């Protein structure tokens, strides 16, 4: 959604904040970077992790 400026009917449920972010990307105010699940600290408590993975984070 952040890189595709075309609005589709099936994406109507997407909140305004995502369209706002898409506009920021288009205007080159922000640049999104991919972050793998292994490096995503924000998701640490959203799913069970093995002990080794938990200790690494």
PDB file of N, CA and C in Angstrom:
ATOM      1  N   UNK A   1       0.811  -1.205   0.000  1.00  0.00           N
ATOM      2  CA  UNK A   1       0.000   0.000   0.000  1.00  0.00           C
ATOM      3  C   UNK A   1       0.850   1.263   0.000  1.00  0.00           C
ATOM      4  N   UNK A   2       2.006   1.201   0.656  1.00  0.00           N
ATOM      5  CA  UNK A   2       2.806   2.420   0.760  1.00  0.00           C
ATOM      6  C   UNK A   2       3.397   2.843  -0.575  1.00  0.00           C
ATOM      7  N   UNK A   3       3.597   1.897  -1.499  1.00  0.00           N
ATOM      8  CA  UNK A   3       4.229   2.226  -2.772  1.00  0.00           C
ATOM      9  C   UNK A   3       3.261   2.228  -3.945  1.00  0.00           C
ATOM     10  N   UNK A   4       2.040   1.747  -3.750  1.00  0.00           N
ATOM     11  CA  UNK A   4       1.067   1.668  -4.827  1.00  0.00           C
ATOM     12  C   UNK A   4       0.040   2.791  -4.668  1.00  0.00           C
ATOM     13  N   UNK A   5       0.083   3.803  -5.514  1.00  0.00           N
ATOM     14  CA  UNK A   5      -0.829   4.936  -5.357  1.00  0.00           C
ATOM     15  C   UNK A   5      -2.264   4.653  -5.788  1.00  0.00           C
ATOM     16  N   UNK A   6      -2.541   3.477  -6.323  1.00  0.00           N
ATOM     17  CA  UNK A   6      -3.876   3.147  -6.808  1.00  0.00           C
ATOM     18  C   UNK A   6      -4.747   2.691  -5.644  1.00  0.00           C
ATOM     19  N   UNK A   7      -5.937   3.270  -5.534  1.00  0.00           N
ATOM     20  CA  UNK A   7      -6.874   2.884  -4.480  1.00  0.00           C
ATOM     21  C   UNK A   7      -7.805   1.811  -5.015  1.00  0.00           C
ATOM     22  N   UNK A   8      -7.916   0.712  -4.298  1.00  0.00           N
ATOM     23  CA  UNK A   8      -8.805  -0.379  -4.684  1.00  0.00           C
ATOM     24  C   UNK A   8      -9.958  -0.468  -3.694  1.00  0.00           C
ATOM     25  N   UNK A   9     -11.116  -0.883  -4.169  1.00  0.00           N
ATOM     26  CA  UNK A   9     -12.278  -1.040  -3.308  1.00  0.00           C
ATOM     27  C   UNK A   9     -12.035  -2.015  -2.176  1.00  0.00           C
ATOM     28  N   UNK A  10     -11.193  -3.010  -2.415  1.00  0.00           N
ATOM     29  CA  UNK A  10     -10.938  -4.008  -1.376  1.00  0.00           C
ATOM     30  C   UNK A  10     -10.029  -3.494  -0.262  1.00  0.00           C
ATOM     31  N   UNK A  11      -9.498  -2.299  -0.407  1.00  0.00           N
ATOM     32  CA  UNK A  11      -8.645  -1.748   0.647  1.00  0.00           C
ATOM     33  C   UNK A  11      -9.340  -0.624   1.423  1.00  0.00           C
ATOM     34  N   UNK A  12     -10.648  -0.542   1.314  1.00  0.00           N
ATOM     35  CA  UNK A  12     -11.396   0.509   2.011  1.00  0.00           C
ATOM     36  C   UNK A  12     -11.272   0.404   3.525  1.00  0.00           C
ATOM     37  N   UNK A  13     -11.031  -0.808   4.017  1.00  0.00           N
ATOM     38  CA  UNK A  13     -10.953  -0.999   5.460  1.00  0.00           C
ATOM     39  C   UNK A  13      -9.652  -0.456   6.050  1.00  0.00           C
ATOM     40  N   UNK A  14      -8.706  -0.092   5.203  1.00  0.00           N
ATOM     41  CA  UNK A  14      -7.435   0.428   5.689  1.00  0.00           C
ATOM     42  C   UNK A  14      -7.669   1.815   6.290  1.00  0.00           C
ATOM     43  N   UNK A  15      -7.121   2.029   7.468  1.00  0.00           N
ATOM     44  CA  UNK A  15      -7.352   3.281   8.189  1.00  0.00           C
ATOM     45  C   UNK A  15      -6.637   4.454   7.524  1.00  0.00           C
ATOM     46  N   UNK A  16      -7.075   5.629   7.860  1.00  0.00           N
ATOM     47  CA  UNK A  16      -6.530   6.862   7.295  1.00  0.00           C
ATOM     48  C   UNK A  16      -5.031   6.979   7.559  1.00  0.00           C
ATOM     49  N   UNK A  17      -4.570   6.478   8.677  1.00  0.00           N
ATOM     50  CA  UNK A  17      -3.143   6.619   9.007  1.00  0.00           C
ATOM     51  C   UNK A  17      -2.249   5.929   7.983  1.00  0.00           C
ATOM     52  N   UNK A  18      -2.725   4.842   7.379  1.00  0.00           N
ATOM     53  CA  UNK A  18      -1.927   4.158   6.372  1.00  0.00           C
ATOM     54  C   UNK A  18      -1.870   4.956   5.072  1.00  0.00           C
ATOM     55  N   UNK A  19      -2.965   5.613   4.728  1.00  0.00           N
ATOM     56  CA  UNK A  19      -2.959   6.465   3.541  1.00  0.00           C
ATOM     57  C   UNK A  19      -2.080   7.691   3.783  1.00  0.00           C
ATOM     58  N   UNK A  20      -2.096   8.189   5.005  1.00  0.00           N
ATOM     59  CA  UNK A  20      -1.218   9.302   5.372  1.00  0.00           C
ATOM     60  C   UNK A  20       0.240   8.883   5.216  1.00  0.00           C
ATOM     61  N   UNK A  21       0.578   7.691   5.689  1.00  0.00           N
ATOM     62  CA  UNK A  21       1.941   7.184   5.568  1.00  0.00           C
ATOM     63  C   UNK A  21       2.331   7.003   4.103  1.00  0.00           C
ATOM     64  N   UNK A  22       1.411   6.502   3.304  1.00  0.00           N
ATOM     65  CA  UNK A  22       1.675   6.329   1.878  1.00  0.00           C
ATOM     66  C   UNK A  22       2.013   7.670   1.227  1.00  0.00           C
ATOM     67  N   UNK A  23       1.289   8.721   1.617  1.00  0.00           N
ATOM     68  CA  UNK A  23       1.570  10.048   1.069  1.00  0.00           C
ATOM     69  C   UNK A  23       2.948  10.545   1.498  1.00  0.00           C
ATOM     70  N   UNK A  24       3.338  10.259   2.731  1.00  0.00           N
ATOM     71  CA  UNK A  24       4.668  10.650   3.193  1.00  0.00           C
ATOM     72  C   UNK A  24       5.759   9.940   2.402  1.00  0.00           C
ATOM     73  N   UNK A  25       5.540   8.678   2.078  1.00  0.00           N
ATOM     74  CA  UNK A  25       6.501   7.926   1.267  1.00  0.00           C
ATOM     75  C   UNK A  25       6.561   8.516  -0.135  1.00  0.00           C
ATOM     76  N   UNK A  26       5.405   8.805  -0.701  1.00  0.00           N
ATOM     77  CA  UNK A  26       5.349   9.378  -2.051  1.00  0.00           C
ATOM     78  C   UNK A  26       6.067  10.720  -2.115  1.00  0.00           C
ATOM     79  N   UNK A  27       5.905  11.528  -1.078  1.00  0.00           N
ATOM     80  CA  UNK A  27       6.536  12.848  -1.029  1.00  0.00           C
ATOM     81  C   UNK A  27       7.985  12.786  -0.545  1.00  0.00           C
ATOM     82  N   UNK A  28       8.484  11.588  -0.325  1.00  0.00           N
ATOM     83  CA  UNK A  28       9.855  11.336   0.127  1.00  0.00           C
ATOM     84  C   UNK A  28      10.176  12.008   1.453  1.00  0.00           C
ATOM     85  N   UNK A  29       9.168  12.111   2.323  1.00  0.00           N
ATOM     86  CA  UNK A  29       9.374  12.630   3.670  1.00  0.00           C
ATOM     87  C   UNK A  29       9.934  11.523   4.557  1.00  0.00           C
ATOM     88  N   UNK A  30       9.454  10.305   4.352  1.00  0.00           N
ATOM     89  CA  UNK A  30       9.957   9.135   5.076  1.00  0.00           C
ATOM     90  C   UNK A  30      10.286   8.041   4.072  1.00  0.00           C
ATOM     91  N   UNK A  31      11.143   7.131   4.494  1.00  0.00           N
ATOM     92  CA  UNK A  31      11.489   5.976   3.675  1.00  0.00           C
ATOM     93  C   UNK A  31      11.279   4.732   4.526  1.00  0.00           C
ATOM     94  N   UNK A  32      10.492   3.805   4.037  1.00  0.00           N
ATOM     95  CA  UNK A  32      10.225   2.575   4.764  1.00  0.00           C
ATOM     96  C   UNK A  32      11.316   1.568   4.471  1.00  0.00           C
ATOM     97  N   UNK A  33      11.710   0.838   5.493  1.00  0.00           N
ATOM     98  CA  UNK A  33      12.708  -0.208   5.331  1.00  0.00           C
ATOM     99  C   UNK A  33      12.150  -1.505   5.880  1.00  0.00           C
ATOM    100  N   UNK A  34      12.468  -2.591   5.203  1.00  0.00           N
ATOM    101  CA  UNK A  34      12.024  -3.908   5.636  1.00  0.00           C
ATOM    102  C   UNK A  34      12.775  -4.306   6.897  1.00  0.00           C
ATOM    103  N   UNK A  35      12.061  -4.901   7.826  1.00  0.00           N
ATOM    104  CA  UNK A  35      12.658  -5.413   9.057  1.00  0.00           C
ATOM    105  C   UNK A  35      12.114  -6.821   9.261  1.00  0.00           C
ATOM    106  N   UNK A  36      12.994  -7.803   9.220  1.00  0.00           N
ATOM    107  CA  UNK A  36      12.555  -9.191   9.356  1.00  0.00           C
ATOM    108  C   UNK A  36      12.001  -9.444  10.753  1.00  0.00           C
ATOM    109  N   UNK A  37      11.229 -10.486  10.900  1.00  0.00           N
ATOM    110  CA  UNK A  37      10.651 -10.844  12.196  1.00  0.00           C
ATOM    111  C   UNK A  37      11.728 -11.099  13.235  1.00  0.00           C
ATOM    112  N   UNK A  38      12.858 -11.604  12.782  1.00  0.00           N
ATOM    113  CA  UNK A  38      13.951 -11.894  13.711  1.00  0.00           C
ATOM    114  C   UNK A  38      14.507 -10.629  14.347  1.00  0.00           C
ATOM    115  N   UNK A  39      14.420  -9.517  13.662  1.00  0.00           N
ATOM    116  CA  UNK A  39      14.966  -8.259  14.170  1.00  0.00           C
ATOM    117  C   UNK A  39      13.897  -7.298  14.668  1.00  0.00           C
ATOM    118  N   UNK A  40      12.645  -7.698  14.646  1.00  0.00           N
ATOM    119  CA  UNK A  40      11.537  -6.831  15.023  1.00  0.00           C
ATOM    120  C   UNK A  40      11.296  -6.906  16.527  1.00  0.00           C
ATOM    121  N   UNK A  41      11.867  -5.984  17.259  1.00  0.00           N
ATOM    122  CA  UNK A  41      11.752  -5.974  18.715  1.00  0.00           C
ATOM    123  C   UNK A  41      10.330  -5.622  19.157  1.00  0.00           C
ATOM    124  N   UNK A  42       9.598  -4.862  18.356  1.00  0.00           N
ATOM    125  CA  UNK A  42       8.243  -4.453  18.728  1.00  0.00           C
ATOM    126  C   UNK A  42       7.307  -5.648  18.874  1.00  0.00           C
ATOM    127  N   UNK A  43       7.604  -6.747  18.202  1.00  0.00           N
ATOM    128  CA  UNK A  43       6.739  -7.924  18.248  1.00  0.00           C
ATOM    129  C   UNK A  43       7.159  -8.953  19.288  1.00  0.00           C
ATOM    130  N   UNK A  44       8.069  -8.607  20.166  1.00  0.00           N
ATOM    131  CA  UNK A  44       8.649  -9.585  21.079  1.00  0.00           C
ATOM    132  C   UNK A  44       7.602 -10.280  21.951  1.00  0.00           C
ATOM    133  N   UNK A  45       6.572  -9.595  22.363  1.00  0.00           N
ATOM    134  CA  UNK A  45       5.577 -10.206  23.250  1.00  0.00           C
ATOM    135  C   UNK A  45       4.287 -10.592  22.528  1.00  0.00           C
ATOM    136  N   UNK A  46       4.277 -10.572  21.209  1.00  0.00           N
ATOM    137  CA  UNK A  46       3.059 -10.902  20.476  1.00  0.00           C
ATOM    138  C   UNK A  46       2.980 -12.362  20.073  1.00  0.00           C
ATOM    139  N   UNK A  47       4.078 -13.089  20.211  1.00  0.00           N
ATOM    140  CA  UNK A  47       4.076 -14.508  19.861  1.00  0.00           C
ATOM    141  C   UNK A  47       5.109 -15.228  20.714  1.00  0.00           C
ATOM    142  N   UNK A  48       4.910 -16.521  20.925  1.00  0.00           N
ATOM    143  CA  UNK A  48       5.873 -17.262  21.744  1.00  0.00           C
ATOM    144  C   UNK A  48       7.216 -17.396  21.028  1.00  0.00           C
ATOM    145  N   UNK A  49       8.283 -17.217  21.785  1.00  0.00           N
ATOM    146  CA  UNK A  49       9.623 -17.328  21.231  1.00  0.00           C
ATOM    147  C   UNK A  49      10.388 -18.438  21.932  1.00  0.00           C
ATOM    148  N   UNK A  50      11.286 -19.053  21.198  1.00  0.00           N
ATOM    149  CA  UNK A  50      12.174 -20.022  21.823  1.00  0.00           C
ATOM    150  C   UNK A  50      13.130 -19.265  22.731  1.00  0.00           C
ATOM    151  N   UNK A  51      13.658 -19.951  23.730  1.00  0.00           N
ATOM    152  CA  UNK A  51      14.529 -19.326  24.716  1.00  0.00           C
ATOM    153  C   UNK A  51      15.719 -18.631  24.057  1.00  0.00           C
ATOM    154  N   UNK A  52      16.333 -19.266  23.073  1.00  0.00           N
ATOM    155  CA  UNK A  52      17.502 -18.676  22.409  1.00  0.00           C
ATOM    156  C   UNK A  52      17.153 -17.346  21.747  1.00  0.00           C
ATOM    157  N   UNK A  53      16.011 -17.308  21.107  1.00  0.00           N
ATOM    158  CA  UNK A  53      15.570 -16.089  20.420  1.00  0.00           C
ATOM    159  C   UNK A  53      15.245 -14.991  21.424  1.00  0.00           C
ATOM    160  N   UNK A  54      14.597 -15.365  22.509  1.00  0.00           N
ATOM    161  CA  UNK A  54      14.249 -14.415  23.556  1.00  0.00           C
ATOM    162  C   UNK A  54      15.514 -13.808  24.165  1.00  0.00           C
ATOM    163  N   UNK A  55      16.508 -14.645  24.426  1.00  0.00           N
ATOM    164  CA  UNK A  55      17.755 -14.161  25.019  1.00  0.00           C
ATOM    165  C   UNK A  55      18.507 -13.234  24.068  1.00  0.00           C
ATOM    166  N   UNK A  56      18.424 -13.501  22.769  1.00  0.00           N
ATOM    167  CA  UNK A  56      19.094 -12.647  21.792  1.00  0.00           C
ATOM    168  C   UNK A  56      18.496 -11.244  21.788  1.00  0.00           C
ATOM    169  N   UNK A  57      17.177 -11.174  21.912  1.00  0.00           N
ATOM    170  CA  UNK A  57      16.509  -9.871  21.918  1.00  0.00           C
ATOM    171  C   UNK A  57      16.700  -9.197  23.255  1.00  0.00           C
TER     172      UNK A  57
END
